[in-house]
Amino acid sequence: MPGWTAHDIPDQSGRVAVVTGANGGLGYVTALELARKGATVVLACRSETRGRDALDRLAAEVPSARAELRPLDLGDLRSVRDFASGLPYGRVDLLVNNAGVMALPYGTTADGFETQFGVNHLGHFALTGLLLPALLAAPGARVVTVSSMLHALANIDIGDLNSERAYRPWVAYARAKTANLLFTHELARRAAAHGVDLLAAAAHPGYAATGLQTAGPRASGRRLAERLMTLGNRVVAQSAEAGAAPVLYAATAPGVRPDSFTGPSFALWRGAPAPSWRAPWTRHDTAGRRLWTASEELTGVTYDALDG
């Protein structure tokens, strides 16, 4: 792992990879590098315009790429179902649950869920469950879910998953990122319990300049906060390419362990991929099971092969 970069990605020829939020930032870099190594890559994007631009850029950088754009709005369960049912592959070797929103003003998804919990966790929970048959059809398939070092700011509140009692943007974000890790923990536990060949792992980019940081302040009209975030991205953050390295490592490197959490090596912030610290509540079996049950009830998506 020391000094690992995208150049170390093993050959991905013959593998099908789905990357959510692949129109920019970490998602685009992840899709690009997987395509460069020979994978067939599906760019799952909410915006057709930005997705088309990303696909054109990818094709320009890797003329031999096998890549396609498919619409996916994680804030709309109908869109998630349409995406999964329309995917023209009998197997999916890699699912990268990357797309997300950060510290937005209070809002709800098309299905009435608090936006950050609905998009960052429930949308990906539903997508993974709907793609489970295709994942199980691919020996050694991986599900890599992108969390954040900011998960440490808050545990989930199982009695108030949609922040109906009180809403604080950064707390809601942290809870959603904790949910990502609890989902990974429970998916790994269930895969082992049922003896299926599926690896669930998580990763985070540290502090990477992706544009995600400025979306919340811009949406709420906080111009000073937006300027400070922009300055931080320019001066302090590492590049999206460096931030994507832990994700690519978790997605492709040999020896990645179930329920592992990979991040930058230096102070959870920047550097080559390395095992990352995570809050102890993200490995809590009972919390993982309760979140899983609630997520099935809220989305209507069940993991029949892993239930029971």
Protein backbone atom coordinates (compact mmCIF):
# COMPACT_ATOMS: atom_id res chain seq x y z
CA MET A 1 0.00 0.00 0.00
CA PRO A 2 2.82 2.55 0.64
CA GLY A 3 3.02 4.94 -2.30
CA TRP A 4 0.10 3.26 -4.09
CA THR A 5 -1.26 5.29 -7.04
CA ALA A 6 -3.69 4.79 -9.90
CA HIS A 7 -0.78 3.39 -11.92
CA ASP A 8 -0.93 0.34 -9.64
CA ILE A 9 -4.52 -0.55 -10.53
CA PRO A 10 -4.58 -4.14 -11.85
CA ASP A 11 -5.91 -4.84 -15.32
CA GLN A 12 -9.71 -4.40 -15.33
CA SER A 13 -10.44 -5.90 -18.75
CA GLY A 14 -13.71 -7.81 -18.83
CA ARG A 15 -15.04 -6.16 -15.69
CA VAL A 16 -18.17 -3.99 -15.53
CA ALA A 17 -18.05 -1.03 -13.15
CA VAL A 18 -20.86 1.33 -12.13
CA VAL A 19 -19.76 4.67 -10.66
CA THR A 20 -22.37 7.03 -9.25
CA GLY A 21 -21.77 10.76 -9.50
CA ALA A 22 -19.21 10.21 -12.27
CA ASN A 23 -19.75 13.60 -13.91
CA GLY A 24 -17.05 15.30 -11.83
CA GLY A 25 -14.69 15.19 -8.85
CA LEU A 26 -13.87 11.82 -7.33
CA GLY A 27 -16.45 10.01 -9.43
CA TYR A 28 -15.04 11.23 -12.72
CA VAL A 29 -11.47 10.36 -11.75
CA THR A 30 -12.59 6.93 -10.56
CA ALA A 31 -14.45 6.24 -13.82
CA LEU A 32 -11.54 7.55 -15.89
CA GLU A 33 -8.90 5.40 -14.22
CA LEU A 34 -11.06 2.27 -14.33
CA ALA A 35 -11.67 2.86 -18.05
CA ARG A 36 -7.96 3.45 -18.59
CA LYS A 37 -7.32 -0.02 -17.14
CA GLY A 38 -9.85 -1.67 -19.45
CA ALA A 39 -13.10 -1.82 -17.46
CA THR A 40 -16.47 -1.22 -19.06
CA VAL A 41 -17.64 1.79 -17.07
CA VAL A 42 -21.17 3.07 -16.54
CA LEU A 43 -21.26 6.73 -15.57
CA ALA A 44 -24.38 7.02 -13.42
CA CYS A 45 -25.22 10.74 -13.30
CA ARG A 46 -28.18 12.88 -12.30
CA SER A 47 -27.46 15.63 -14.82
CA GLU A 48 -27.47 14.48 -18.43
CA THR A 49 -25.63 17.63 -19.54
CA ARG A 50 -22.80 17.27 -17.03
CA GLY A 51 -22.73 13.53 -17.57
CA ARG A 52 -22.41 13.96 -21.33
CA ASP A 53 -19.58 16.44 -20.85
CA ALA A 54 -17.82 13.97 -18.54
CA LEU A 55 -18.24 11.13 -21.04
CA ASP A 56 -16.79 13.30 -23.81
CA ARG A 57 -13.80 14.25 -21.63
CA LEU A 58 -13.23 10.61 -20.71
CA ALA A 59 -13.33 9.54 -24.35
CA ALA A 60 -10.85 12.28 -25.24
CA GLU A 61 -8.43 11.12 -22.52
CA VAL A 62 -8.90 7.40 -23.17
CA PRO A 63 -9.93 6.93 -26.82
CA SER A 64 -10.16 3.16 -26.36
CA ALA A 65 -12.52 3.48 -23.38
CA ARG A 66 -15.66 1.40 -23.12
CA ALA A 67 -17.91 3.79 -21.24
CA GLU A 68 -21.51 4.88 -21.32
CA LEU A 69 -23.75 7.40 -19.58
CA ARG A 70 -26.95 6.37 -17.83
CA PRO A 71 -29.27 8.67 -15.87
CA LEU A 72 -29.52 8.14 -12.12
CA ASP A 73 -31.08 10.44 -9.54
CA LEU A 74 -30.39 9.00 -6.11
CA GLY A 75 -32.96 11.37 -4.65
CA ASP A 76 -35.75 9.63 -6.56
CA LEU A 77 -36.34 5.93 -5.93
CA ARG A 78 -38.21 5.61 -9.22
CA SER A 79 -35.05 6.75 -11.01
CA VAL A 80 -32.98 4.25 -9.00
CA ARG A 81 -35.31 1.42 -10.00
CA ASP A 82 -35.30 2.51 -13.64
CA PHE A 83 -31.52 2.63 -13.66
CA ALA A 84 -31.16 -0.85 -12.17
CA SER A 85 -33.78 -2.45 -14.44
CA GLY A 86 -32.33 -0.81 -17.55
CA LEU A 87 -28.71 -1.78 -17.00
CA PRO A 88 -27.87 -4.05 -19.97
CA TYR A 89 -25.34 -6.26 -18.19
CA GLY A 90 -25.91 -9.63 -16.60
CA ARG A 91 -23.17 -8.97 -14.09
CA VAL A 92 -21.66 -6.01 -12.25
CA ASP A 93 -18.13 -6.56 -10.95
CA LEU A 94 -17.81 -3.23 -9.17
CA LEU A 95 -20.26 -0.72 -7.75
CA VAL A 96 -18.78 2.54 -6.49
CA ASN A 97 -21.33 4.39 -4.37
CA ASN A 98 -19.70 7.78 -4.73
CA ALA A 99 -22.34 10.43 -5.41
CA GLY A 100 -23.36 12.66 -2.56
CA VAL A 101 -24.41 16.06 -1.27
CA MET A 102 -22.88 18.00 1.60
CA ALA A 103 -24.32 20.33 4.25
CA LEU A 104 -27.27 21.54 2.19
CA PRO A 105 -30.12 23.63 3.61
CA TYR A 106 -33.00 21.46 4.75
CA GLY A 107 -34.86 19.81 1.92
CA THR A 108 -36.45 16.52 0.97
CA THR A 109 -36.05 14.03 -1.84
CA ALA A 110 -38.79 13.06 -4.30
CA ASP A 111 -39.83 10.39 -1.78
CA GLY A 112 -39.93 12.73 1.21
CA PHE A 113 -36.63 11.81 2.87
CA GLU A 114 -34.27 14.44 4.27
CA THR A 115 -32.01 15.16 1.30
CA GLN A 116 -28.61 14.22 2.71
CA PHE A 117 -29.81 10.98 4.28
CA GLY A 118 -31.96 10.21 1.26
CA VAL A 119 -29.27 10.77 -1.37
CA ASN A 120 -26.09 9.77 0.45
CA HIS A 121 -27.46 6.66 2.15
CA LEU A 122 -30.95 5.55 1.10
CA GLY A 123 -30.38 6.05 -2.62
CA HIS A 124 -27.23 3.97 -2.52
CA PHE A 125 -28.81 1.37 -0.25
CA ALA A 126 -31.63 0.93 -2.76
CA LEU A 127 -29.25 0.88 -5.74
CA THR A 128 -27.01 -1.76 -4.17
CA GLY A 129 -29.98 -3.94 -3.28
CA LEU A 130 -31.48 -3.69 -6.76
CA LEU A 131 -28.12 -4.55 -8.33
CA LEU A 132 -27.43 -7.38 -5.89
CA PRO A 133 -28.32 -10.20 -8.34
CA ALA A 134 -25.91 -8.73 -10.92
CA LEU A 135 -23.23 -8.31 -8.25
CA LEU A 136 -23.62 -11.90 -7.05
CA ALA A 137 -23.33 -13.06 -10.67
CA ALA A 138 -19.77 -11.70 -10.75
CA PRO A 139 -17.27 -13.71 -8.67
CA GLY A 140 -15.34 -11.40 -6.38
CA ALA A 141 -17.61 -8.40 -6.98
CA ARG A 142 -17.01 -5.34 -4.82
CA VAL A 143 -19.24 -2.63 -3.41
CA VAL A 144 -17.21 0.42 -2.40
CA THR A 145 -19.10 3.16 -0.58
CA VAL A 146 -17.55 6.59 -0.20
CA SER A 147 -17.86 8.05 3.29
CA SER A 148 -16.04 10.99 4.88
CA MET A 149 -13.71 11.70 7.76
CA LEU A 150 -16.50 14.05 8.92
CA HIS A 151 -18.62 11.02 9.85
CA ALA A 152 -16.92 11.38 13.23
CA LEU A 153 -19.00 14.49 13.98
CA ALA A 154 -22.17 12.52 14.68
CA ASN A 155 -23.66 9.06 15.06
CA ILE A 156 -27.01 8.26 13.45
CA ASP A 157 -30.20 8.81 15.42
CA ILE A 158 -32.23 5.70 14.64
CA GLY A 159 -35.33 7.42 16.01
CA ASP A 160 -34.91 10.49 13.80
CA LEU A 161 -33.21 9.33 10.61
CA ASN A 162 -34.78 12.14 8.59
CA SER A 163 -33.83 14.90 11.06
CA GLU A 164 -37.46 15.82 11.65
CA ARG A 165 -36.92 16.95 15.24
CA ALA A 166 -34.04 19.27 14.43
CA TYR A 167 -31.92 19.96 11.38
CA ARG A 168 -28.32 21.08 11.40
CA PRO A 169 -26.64 20.73 7.97
CA TRP A 170 -23.25 19.43 9.13
CA VAL A 171 -24.75 17.05 11.70
CA ALA A 172 -27.09 15.66 9.04
CA TYR A 173 -24.12 15.20 6.72
CA ALA A 174 -22.11 13.42 9.40
CA ARG A 175 -25.04 11.13 10.18
CA ALA A 176 -25.40 10.24 6.51
CA LYS A 177 -21.69 9.46 6.25
CA THR A 178 -21.92 7.34 9.42
CA ALA A 179 -24.82 5.55 7.74
CA ASN A 180 -22.53 4.80 4.78
CA LEU A 181 -20.08 3.08 7.10
CA LEU A 182 -22.76 1.20 9.04
CA PHE A 183 -24.20 0.02 5.72
CA THR A 184 -20.77 -1.25 4.66
CA HIS A 185 -20.32 -2.98 8.01
CA GLU A 186 -23.69 -4.72 7.84
CA LEU A 187 -23.33 -5.64 4.15
CA ALA A 188 -19.94 -7.23 4.89
CA ARG A 189 -21.39 -9.08 7.89
CA ARG A 190 -24.31 -10.44 5.89
CA ALA A 191 -22.12 -11.46 2.95
CA ALA A 192 -19.91 -13.46 5.31
CA ALA A 193 -22.88 -14.99 7.13
CA HIS A 194 -24.43 -16.17 3.85
CA GLY A 195 -21.13 -17.28 2.32
CA VAL A 196 -21.46 -15.12 -0.78
CA ASP A 197 -18.49 -13.90 -2.79
CA LEU A 198 -19.06 -10.17 -2.35
CA LEU A 199 -16.62 -7.68 -0.84
CA ALA A 200 -18.05 -4.60 0.88
CA ALA A 201 -15.53 -1.87 1.69
CA ALA A 202 -15.52 1.87 2.27
CA ALA A 203 -13.17 4.73 1.51
CA HIS A 204 -12.85 8.47 1.95
CA PRO A 205 -10.84 11.13 0.09
CA GLY A 206 -9.60 13.17 3.03
CA TYR A 207 -9.81 16.84 2.12
CA ALA A 208 -10.00 16.86 -1.68
CA ALA A 209 -10.99 19.73 -3.94
CA THR A 210 -14.09 18.40 -5.64
CA GLY A 211 -16.58 21.27 -5.58
CA LEU A 212 -18.75 19.40 -3.08
CA GLN A 213 -17.69 21.74 -0.28
CA THR A 214 -19.07 24.87 -1.93
CA ALA A 215 -22.49 23.51 -2.88
CA GLY A 216 -24.06 23.92 0.56
CA PRO A 217 -22.98 27.53 1.15
CA ARG A 218 -23.99 28.44 -2.40
CA ALA A 219 -27.44 26.87 -1.98
CA SER A 220 -28.07 28.77 1.25
CA GLY A 221 -26.70 32.08 -0.03
CA ARG A 222 -23.78 32.17 2.42
CA ARG A 223 -21.27 33.94 0.18
CA LEU A 224 -18.52 34.31 2.78
CA ALA A 225 -18.65 30.60 3.60
CA GLU A 226 -18.56 29.77 -0.11
CA ARG A 227 -15.49 31.97 -0.58
CA LEU A 228 -13.74 30.38 2.39
CA MET A 229 -14.47 26.89 1.08
CA THR A 230 -13.18 27.90 -2.34
CA LEU A 231 -10.00 29.27 -0.79
CA GLY A 232 -9.55 26.08 1.22
CA ASN A 233 -9.90 24.00 -1.92
CA ARG A 234 -7.21 26.06 -3.63
CA VAL A 235 -4.72 26.30 -0.77
CA VAL A 236 -5.19 23.34 1.55
CA ALA A 237 -6.99 20.52 -0.22
CA GLN A 238 -5.38 17.81 -2.29
CA SER A 239 -6.49 17.24 -5.85
CA ALA A 240 -9.49 15.16 -6.90
CA GLU A 241 -6.99 12.74 -8.45
CA ALA A 242 -5.28 12.25 -5.09
CA GLY A 243 -8.61 12.08 -3.28
CA ALA A 244 -9.82 9.32 -5.59
CA ALA A 245 -6.79 7.12 -4.86
CA PRO A 246 -8.27 5.56 -1.66
CA VAL A 247 -11.49 4.82 -3.56
CA LEU A 248 -9.60 3.19 -6.42
CA TYR A 249 -7.48 1.23 -3.97
CA ALA A 250 -10.56 -0.15 -2.20
CA ALA A 251 -12.13 -0.90 -5.57
CA THR A 252 -9.24 -2.73 -7.21
CA ALA A 253 -6.25 -3.57 -5.03
CA PRO A 254 -5.57 -7.19 -4.04
CA GLY A 255 -5.97 -8.01 -0.37
CA VAL A 256 -8.62 -5.41 0.49
CA ARG A 257 -10.48 -6.72 3.52
CA PRO A 258 -14.24 -6.75 4.08
CA ASP A 259 -15.51 -3.74 6.04
CA SER A 260 -12.18 -1.96 5.62
CA PHE A 261 -12.01 1.82 5.51
CA THR A 262 -9.30 3.33 3.31
CA GLY A 263 -8.28 6.98 3.35
CA PRO A 264 -5.24 9.23 2.93
CA SER A 265 -2.21 8.28 5.00
CA PHE A 266 -1.47 11.67 6.57
CA ALA A 267 -3.81 12.73 9.39
CA LEU A 268 -6.94 11.48 7.55
CA TRP A 269 -6.35 14.39 5.19
CA ARG A 270 -3.93 13.75 2.32
CA GLY A 271 -1.37 11.30 1.03
CA ALA A 272 -1.32 7.78 -0.39
CA PRO A 273 -4.06 5.28 0.52
CA ALA A 274 -3.82 3.71 3.97
CA PRO A 275 -6.11 2.09 6.55
CA SER A 276 -8.17 4.87 8.10
CA TRP A 277 -9.41 5.48 11.61
CA ARG A 278 -13.19 5.32 12.01
CA ALA A 279 -15.53 6.07 14.88
CA PRO A 280 -16.32 2.98 16.97
CA TRP A 281 -20.07 3.38 16.44
CA THR A 282 -19.58 2.55 12.73
CA ARG A 283 -18.79 -1.07 13.65
CA HIS A 284 -21.77 -1.60 15.95
CA ASP A 285 -23.64 -4.76 14.91
CA THR A 286 -26.98 -3.84 16.49
CA ALA A 287 -26.94 -0.34 14.97
CA GLY A 288 -26.06 -1.81 11.60
CA ARG A 289 -28.97 -4.24 11.73
CA ARG A 290 -31.43 -1.57 12.86
CA LEU A 291 -30.34 0.83 10.12
CA TRP A 292 -30.58 -1.98 7.55
CA THR A 293 -34.13 -2.86 8.62
CA ALA A 294 -35.20 0.79 8.61
CA SER A 295 -33.61 1.31 5.18
CA GLU A 296 -35.50 -1.66 3.72
CA GLU A 297 -38.76 -0.33 5.14
CA LEU A 298 -38.17 3.23 3.90
CA THR A 299 -37.05 2.28 0.38
CA GLY A 300 -39.09 -0.86 -0.17
CA VAL A 301 -35.92 -2.57 -1.42
CA THR A 302 -35.05 -5.90 0.19
CA TYR A 303 -31.86 -7.93 -0.10
CA ASP A 304 -33.50 -11.34 -0.39
CA ALA A 305 -30.20 -13.22 -0.87
CA LEU A 306 -28.79 -11.69 2.31
CA ASP A 307 -31.84 -11.48 4.56
CA GLY A 308 -32.64 -13.90 7.31
